[in-house]
Amino acid sequence: MVVLKQYRLFLTATFLLGSSLSFAQDNSAIMDQAQSQTAAQDAVNVTWKPSLVKDGVYDRVQHINKPLEWQPVREADVLWKKRVWRDIDTRQKQNIAFRFTGDDNSGGGMFIEILLDAVKKGKIKAYSTMDDRFTAALTKEQIMEMTMGKVDSTPVVDPVTGEMTIRVTRTDFDPYSVTRFRIKEDWIFDRNLGRMVVRIVGLAPLIDKNNDDGTYLLSYPMFWIYYPEARDLFAQYEVFNPENDVARMTWDEYFENRFFSSHIIKVSNPFNTTFSTMGLQGTDALYEGQRVSEQIFNKEHDMWIY
């Protein structure tokens, strides 16, 4: 009996010790989760304010999001490669996620505001638009000057003296002025995997410039982002899902699974020209981009046949 009682005491002590260790590990895991999600909790819009209370009917745990690992591609396994440039129009219905104004899970801002906030805080580098080969990194001062609104002057009359003075103001940056994003990507047939592989290399926001009367003039890239360096950042912010508020994905998953709609504007060529500089405009440029897409699809098919 004495031996049995001692054995029961030993089992009880072991159970209590294991429970306390498990509880400590759970608390440690929760703390690690909270620390790993500090980027998603940072506001990317100065006008956005987080809720001071629990805004929901359930306790939302911190999500540990990481970018999906890329399968390494050896040069010896590359049988065919084509570099493609394409534009994403955020005004299209399928790309409405780019224009979502933001909430707790997206940093309180649009996708362009996430990019600008990360560049200003030094989380990712921005490269010059002189070329898309990432040869010159922009300074913080250059980015700040780029994101400042245009300077405007307004005549103001002093109600006491009647004197007229000129008040110089600078408008805030309008995130809705970024209507498109440009992507540079490589399409590769990997014989080790036996399929076509696509890898995004660079991403650039395109800002609209209007005439003095407000009519559209042109669009130009603000800067280029080296996409592989930005994947960790994109994994910390979630994309709005209009069908279900719970079933969300990260921006990294959004790009990797290619949920966006786009059209090709350029492919690698001896003269490094886009479809528009080749004289193709409007529907002709769209048809040419569609022809290139079909050519890439058929190339994968031909690799299997021949």
Protein backbone atom coordinates (compact mmCIF):
# COMPACT_ATOMS: atom_id res chain seq x y z
CA MET A 1 0.00 0.00 0.00
CA VAL A 2 2.84 2.37 0.89
CA VAL A 3 4.48 1.72 -2.48
CA LEU A 4 1.16 2.31 -4.28
CA LYS A 5 0.58 5.63 -2.50
CA GLN A 6 4.11 6.79 -3.35
CA TYR A 7 3.55 5.82 -6.98
CA ARG A 8 0.28 7.83 -7.08
CA LEU A 9 2.01 10.86 -5.55
CA PHE A 10 4.76 10.56 -8.16
CA LEU A 11 2.23 10.47 -11.02
CA THR A 12 0.33 13.47 -9.60
CA ALA A 13 3.51 15.51 -9.26
CA THR A 14 4.56 14.59 -12.80
CA PHE A 15 1.17 15.61 -14.19
CA LEU A 16 1.22 18.98 -12.40
CA LEU A 17 4.76 19.68 -13.54
CA GLY A 18 3.90 18.81 -17.15
CA SER A 19 0.80 21.01 -17.04
CA SER A 20 2.76 23.97 -15.73
CA LEU A 21 5.41 23.52 -18.42
CA SER A 22 2.74 23.25 -21.10
CA PHE A 23 1.05 26.40 -19.80
CA ALA A 24 4.38 28.22 -19.83
CA GLN A 25 5.06 27.05 -23.37
CA ASP A 26 1.60 28.22 -24.48
CA ASN A 27 2.23 31.64 -22.98
CA SER A 28 5.64 31.76 -24.64
CA ALA A 29 4.10 30.83 -27.99
CA ILE A 30 1.48 33.55 -27.60
CA MET A 31 4.18 36.11 -26.83
CA ASP A 32 6.19 34.98 -29.86
CA GLN A 33 3.09 35.32 -32.03
CA ALA A 34 2.41 38.81 -30.74
CA GLN A 35 5.99 39.90 -31.36
CA SER A 36 6.07 38.42 -34.86
CA GLN A 37 3.02 40.41 -35.91
CA THR A 38 4.18 43.89 -34.88
CA ALA A 39 4.52 44.86 -38.56
CA ALA A 40 0.84 44.13 -39.25
CA GLN A 41 -0.22 46.20 -36.26
CA ASP A 42 1.72 49.29 -37.39
CA ALA A 43 -0.53 51.83 -39.04
CA VAL A 44 0.53 52.72 -42.58
CA ASN A 45 -1.87 55.66 -42.80
CA VAL A 46 -1.48 58.60 -40.40
CA THR A 47 -5.22 59.29 -40.42
CA TRP A 48 -6.16 55.73 -39.44
CA LYS A 49 -6.68 54.95 -35.75
CA PRO A 50 -6.87 51.44 -34.23
CA SER A 51 -9.79 50.49 -32.03
CA LEU A 52 -9.30 50.96 -28.29
CA VAL A 53 -11.51 47.96 -27.47
CA LYS A 54 -11.98 44.45 -28.85
CA ASP A 55 -13.83 45.16 -32.09
CA GLY A 56 -15.44 41.75 -32.64
CA VAL A 57 -17.37 38.91 -31.05
CA TYR A 58 -14.45 36.47 -30.83
CA ASP A 59 -10.83 36.59 -29.74
CA ARG A 60 -8.67 36.81 -32.85
CA VAL A 61 -5.28 35.17 -32.37
CA GLN A 62 -2.18 36.63 -33.90
CA HIS A 63 -1.41 35.05 -37.28
CA ILE A 64 2.15 33.92 -37.95
CA ASN A 65 2.46 34.50 -41.68
CA LYS A 66 5.57 33.72 -43.67
CA PRO A 67 6.18 33.78 -47.43
CA LEU A 68 5.95 30.52 -49.28
CA GLU A 69 9.40 29.09 -49.99
CA TRP A 70 10.43 29.19 -53.63
CA GLN A 71 11.67 26.00 -55.26
CA PRO A 72 15.31 26.60 -56.27
CA VAL A 73 15.83 26.65 -60.04
CA ARG A 74 19.20 25.51 -61.42
CA GLU A 75 20.51 27.04 -64.61
CA ALA A 76 21.16 23.54 -65.99
CA ASP A 77 17.43 22.76 -65.64
CA VAL A 78 16.23 25.85 -67.52
CA LEU A 79 15.26 24.85 -71.05
CA TRP A 80 13.38 28.01 -71.97
CA LYS A 81 12.95 31.50 -70.50
CA LYS A 82 11.00 34.63 -71.39
CA ARG A 83 10.92 37.94 -69.51
CA VAL A 84 7.53 39.65 -69.41
CA TRP A 85 6.28 43.04 -68.21
CA ARG A 86 2.62 43.43 -67.36
CA ASP A 87 0.33 46.11 -65.89
CA ILE A 88 -2.29 45.61 -63.16
CA ASP A 89 -5.15 48.10 -63.42
CA THR A 90 -6.54 48.64 -59.92
CA ARG A 91 -9.79 50.03 -61.33
CA GLN A 92 -10.79 46.60 -62.63
CA LYS A 93 -13.22 44.63 -60.50
CA GLN A 94 -10.87 41.68 -60.00
CA ASN A 95 -8.18 44.05 -58.66
CA ILE A 96 -10.40 45.86 -56.16
CA ALA A 97 -8.21 44.58 -53.31
CA PHE A 98 -5.57 47.17 -54.28
CA ARG A 99 -8.04 49.98 -53.57
CA PHE A 100 -9.34 48.71 -50.22
CA THR A 101 -8.87 51.56 -47.74
CA GLY A 102 -7.63 49.26 -44.99
CA ASP A 103 -8.50 47.87 -41.55
CA ASP A 104 -6.73 46.30 -38.54
CA ASN A 105 -5.37 43.41 -40.63
CA SER A 106 -4.07 45.53 -43.50
CA GLY A 107 -2.36 48.25 -41.50
CA GLY A 108 -5.17 50.74 -42.02
CA GLY A 109 -4.21 51.66 -45.55
CA MET A 110 -4.25 50.76 -49.23
CA PHE A 111 -1.56 48.62 -50.85
CA ILE A 112 0.30 51.67 -52.14
CA GLU A 113 0.32 53.08 -48.59
CA ILE A 114 1.82 49.81 -47.32
CA LEU A 115 4.61 50.16 -49.89
CA LEU A 116 5.29 53.81 -49.12
CA ASP A 117 5.27 53.22 -45.36
CA ALA A 118 7.75 50.35 -45.71
CA VAL A 119 10.06 52.41 -47.92
CA LYS A 120 10.00 55.42 -45.60
CA LYS A 121 10.74 53.24 -42.56
CA GLY A 122 13.58 51.44 -44.32
CA LYS A 123 11.90 48.02 -44.34
CA ILE A 124 12.45 47.64 -48.08
CA LYS A 125 14.53 49.50 -50.66
CA ALA A 126 13.16 51.59 -53.49
CA TYR A 127 15.11 51.82 -56.72
CA SER A 128 15.22 54.49 -59.39
CA THR A 129 12.88 54.42 -62.36
CA MET A 130 15.69 55.21 -64.81
CA ASP A 131 15.74 51.47 -65.48
CA ASP A 132 14.16 48.37 -63.99
CA ARG A 133 17.44 46.60 -63.24
CA PHE A 134 17.71 48.03 -59.70
CA THR A 135 20.99 49.84 -60.35
CA ALA A 136 20.38 52.90 -58.12
CA ALA A 137 18.67 52.94 -54.73
CA LEU A 138 16.63 56.02 -53.78
CA THR A 139 17.29 57.92 -50.57
CA LYS A 140 14.67 58.64 -47.95
CA GLU A 141 14.70 62.33 -48.92
CA GLN A 142 13.96 61.44 -52.53
CA ILE A 143 11.05 59.26 -51.49
CA MET A 144 9.65 61.98 -49.20
CA GLU A 145 9.87 64.54 -52.01
CA MET A 146 8.19 62.11 -54.38
CA THR A 147 5.25 61.42 -52.06
CA MET A 148 4.57 65.05 -51.21
CA GLY A 149 1.61 66.60 -52.97
CA LYS A 150 1.94 69.42 -55.48
CA VAL A 151 2.60 72.97 -54.34
CA ASP A 152 -0.33 75.36 -54.66
CA SER A 153 -0.61 79.08 -54.03
CA THR A 154 -3.79 80.78 -52.83
CA PRO A 155 -4.37 84.54 -52.51
CA VAL A 156 -5.52 85.50 -49.01
CA VAL A 157 -6.93 88.92 -48.07
CA ASP A 158 -6.37 90.19 -44.54
CA PRO A 159 -9.81 91.19 -43.22
CA VAL A 160 -8.31 93.98 -41.04
CA THR A 161 -5.71 95.64 -43.26
CA GLY A 162 -7.14 94.58 -46.59
CA GLU A 163 -3.71 93.53 -47.80
CA MET A 164 -3.46 90.55 -50.11
CA THR A 165 -0.85 87.88 -49.44
CA ILE A 166 -0.01 84.62 -51.18
CA ARG A 167 -0.31 81.49 -49.04
CA VAL A 168 1.75 78.57 -50.31
CA THR A 169 0.36 75.14 -49.43
CA ARG A 170 1.24 71.60 -50.35
CA THR A 171 -1.49 69.03 -50.84
CA ASP A 172 -1.30 65.55 -49.33
CA PHE A 173 -0.37 62.54 -51.42
CA ASP A 174 -3.46 60.99 -52.99
CA PRO A 175 -3.24 57.17 -52.94
CA TYR A 176 -6.02 57.01 -55.55
CA SER A 177 -3.67 58.65 -58.05
CA VAL A 178 -1.86 55.29 -58.26
CA THR A 179 -4.15 53.43 -60.63
CA ARG A 180 -1.78 50.74 -61.89
CA PHE A 181 1.11 48.55 -60.82
CA ARG A 182 3.77 47.26 -63.18
CA ILE A 183 5.31 43.81 -62.72
CA LYS A 184 8.49 42.40 -64.22
CA GLU A 185 8.58 38.61 -64.18
CA ASP A 186 10.39 35.60 -65.65
CA TRP A 187 8.64 32.63 -67.21
CA ILE A 188 10.90 29.56 -67.07
CA PHE A 189 10.41 25.95 -68.11
CA ASP A 190 12.15 23.85 -65.47
CA ARG A 191 12.85 20.35 -66.74
CA ASN A 192 13.48 19.16 -63.17
CA LEU A 193 9.91 20.05 -62.22
CA GLY A 194 8.57 19.33 -65.69
CA ARG A 195 6.49 22.48 -65.88
CA MET A 196 6.51 26.22 -66.43
CA VAL A 197 7.56 28.33 -63.44
CA VAL A 198 6.85 32.05 -63.05
CA ARG A 199 8.84 34.29 -60.71
CA ILE A 200 8.06 37.97 -60.09
CA VAL A 201 11.28 40.00 -60.10
CA GLY A 202 10.17 43.59 -59.66
CA LEU A 203 7.11 45.70 -58.88
CA ALA A 204 6.51 49.41 -59.53
CA PRO A 205 3.52 51.64 -58.68
CA LEU A 206 2.40 53.87 -61.57
CA ILE A 207 1.08 57.31 -60.69
CA ASP A 208 -1.21 59.35 -62.95
CA LYS A 209 -0.30 62.86 -64.04
CA ASN A 210 -3.05 65.20 -65.20
CA ASN A 211 -3.12 68.41 -67.18
CA ASP A 212 -3.97 71.74 -65.59
CA ASP A 213 -7.61 71.26 -66.57
CA GLY A 214 -7.73 67.86 -64.80
CA THR A 215 -7.65 65.66 -67.88
CA TYR A 216 -5.41 62.59 -67.94
CA LEU A 217 -1.94 63.12 -69.43
CA LEU A 218 0.20 60.06 -68.70
CA SER A 219 1.28 57.50 -66.10
CA TYR A 220 4.84 56.89 -64.94
CA PRO A 221 6.52 54.60 -62.37
CA MET A 222 7.27 56.15 -58.97
CA PHE A 223 9.99 53.63 -58.09
CA TRP A 224 10.84 49.95 -58.42
CA ILE A 225 10.74 47.36 -55.64
CA TYR A 226 12.86 44.20 -55.79
CA TYR A 227 10.08 41.68 -55.21
CA PRO A 228 12.06 38.84 -53.51
CA GLU A 229 13.21 41.31 -50.82
CA ALA A 230 9.64 42.51 -50.21
CA ARG A 231 8.01 39.09 -49.77
CA ASP A 232 8.55 39.04 -46.00
CA LEU A 233 6.79 42.39 -45.75
CA PHE A 234 3.91 41.32 -48.00
CA ALA A 235 3.36 38.27 -45.79
CA GLN A 236 2.55 40.53 -42.81
CA TYR A 237 -0.47 42.26 -44.36
CA GLU A 238 -3.71 40.60 -45.36
CA VAL A 239 -5.81 41.13 -48.48
CA PHE A 240 -9.49 41.98 -48.10
CA ASN A 241 -11.81 39.15 -49.15
CA PRO A 242 -15.26 40.47 -50.18
CA GLU A 243 -16.78 36.98 -49.83
CA ASN A 244 -15.65 36.12 -46.28
CA ASP A 245 -13.95 38.31 -43.65
CA VAL A 246 -12.29 35.26 -42.06
CA ALA A 247 -10.93 33.60 -45.21
CA ARG A 248 -8.20 36.08 -46.00
CA MET A 249 -4.80 35.65 -47.59
CA THR A 250 -1.60 37.65 -47.35
CA TRP A 251 -0.32 39.88 -50.13
CA ASP A 252 2.45 37.36 -50.74
CA GLU A 253 -0.11 34.59 -51.30
CA TYR A 254 -2.15 36.96 -53.46
CA PHE A 255 0.74 37.57 -55.84
CA GLU A 256 2.11 34.02 -55.79
CA ASN A 257 -1.31 32.52 -56.58
CA ARG A 258 -1.87 35.24 -59.20
CA PHE A 259 -5.33 36.34 -58.14
CA PHE A 260 -4.87 39.65 -59.95
CA SER A 261 -5.94 40.54 -63.46
CA SER A 262 -3.33 42.04 -65.78
CA HIS A 263 -2.27 42.50 -69.39
CA ILE A 264 1.17 42.17 -70.96
CA ILE A 265 2.75 45.40 -72.23
CA LYS A 266 6.23 44.17 -73.14
CA VAL A 267 8.31 41.04 -73.69
CA SER A 268 12.07 40.72 -73.99
CA ASN A 269 13.13 41.87 -77.47
CA PRO A 270 16.30 43.12 -79.20
CA PHE A 271 15.18 46.78 -79.08
CA ASN A 272 13.81 46.73 -75.50
CA THR A 273 10.58 48.36 -76.66
CA THR A 274 7.02 48.11 -75.35
CA PHE A 275 3.98 47.41 -77.48
CA SER A 276 3.03 51.10 -77.40
CA THR A 277 6.43 52.25 -78.70
CA MET A 278 6.10 49.67 -81.45
CA GLY A 279 2.98 51.49 -82.65
CA LEU A 280 0.39 49.24 -81.04
CA GLN A 281 -2.31 51.15 -79.16
CA GLY A 282 -5.61 50.30 -77.49
CA THR A 283 -7.10 46.97 -78.48
CA ASP A 284 -4.16 46.16 -80.76
CA ALA A 285 -1.80 46.21 -77.77
CA LEU A 286 -4.22 44.05 -75.77
CA TYR A 287 -4.44 41.52 -78.61
CA GLU A 288 -0.66 41.38 -78.83
CA GLY A 289 -0.42 40.76 -75.09
CA GLN A 290 -2.99 37.98 -75.36
CA ARG A 291 -1.00 36.46 -78.24
CA VAL A 292 2.13 36.39 -76.06
CA SER A 293 0.19 34.74 -73.22
CA GLU A 294 -1.00 32.01 -75.57
CA GLN A 295 2.53 31.60 -76.89
CA ILE A 296 3.84 30.98 -73.37
CA PHE A 297 1.05 28.49 -72.70
CA ASN A 298 1.74 26.64 -75.95
CA LYS A 299 5.47 26.57 -75.22
CA GLU A 300 4.85 24.48 -72.09
CA HIS A 301 2.62 22.19 -74.12
CA ASP A 302 5.26 21.83 -76.84
CA MET A 303 7.94 20.97 -74.30
CA TRP A 304 5.91 17.96 -73.20
CA ILE A 305 5.23 16.79 -76.77
CA TYR A 306 8.68 17.19 -78.24
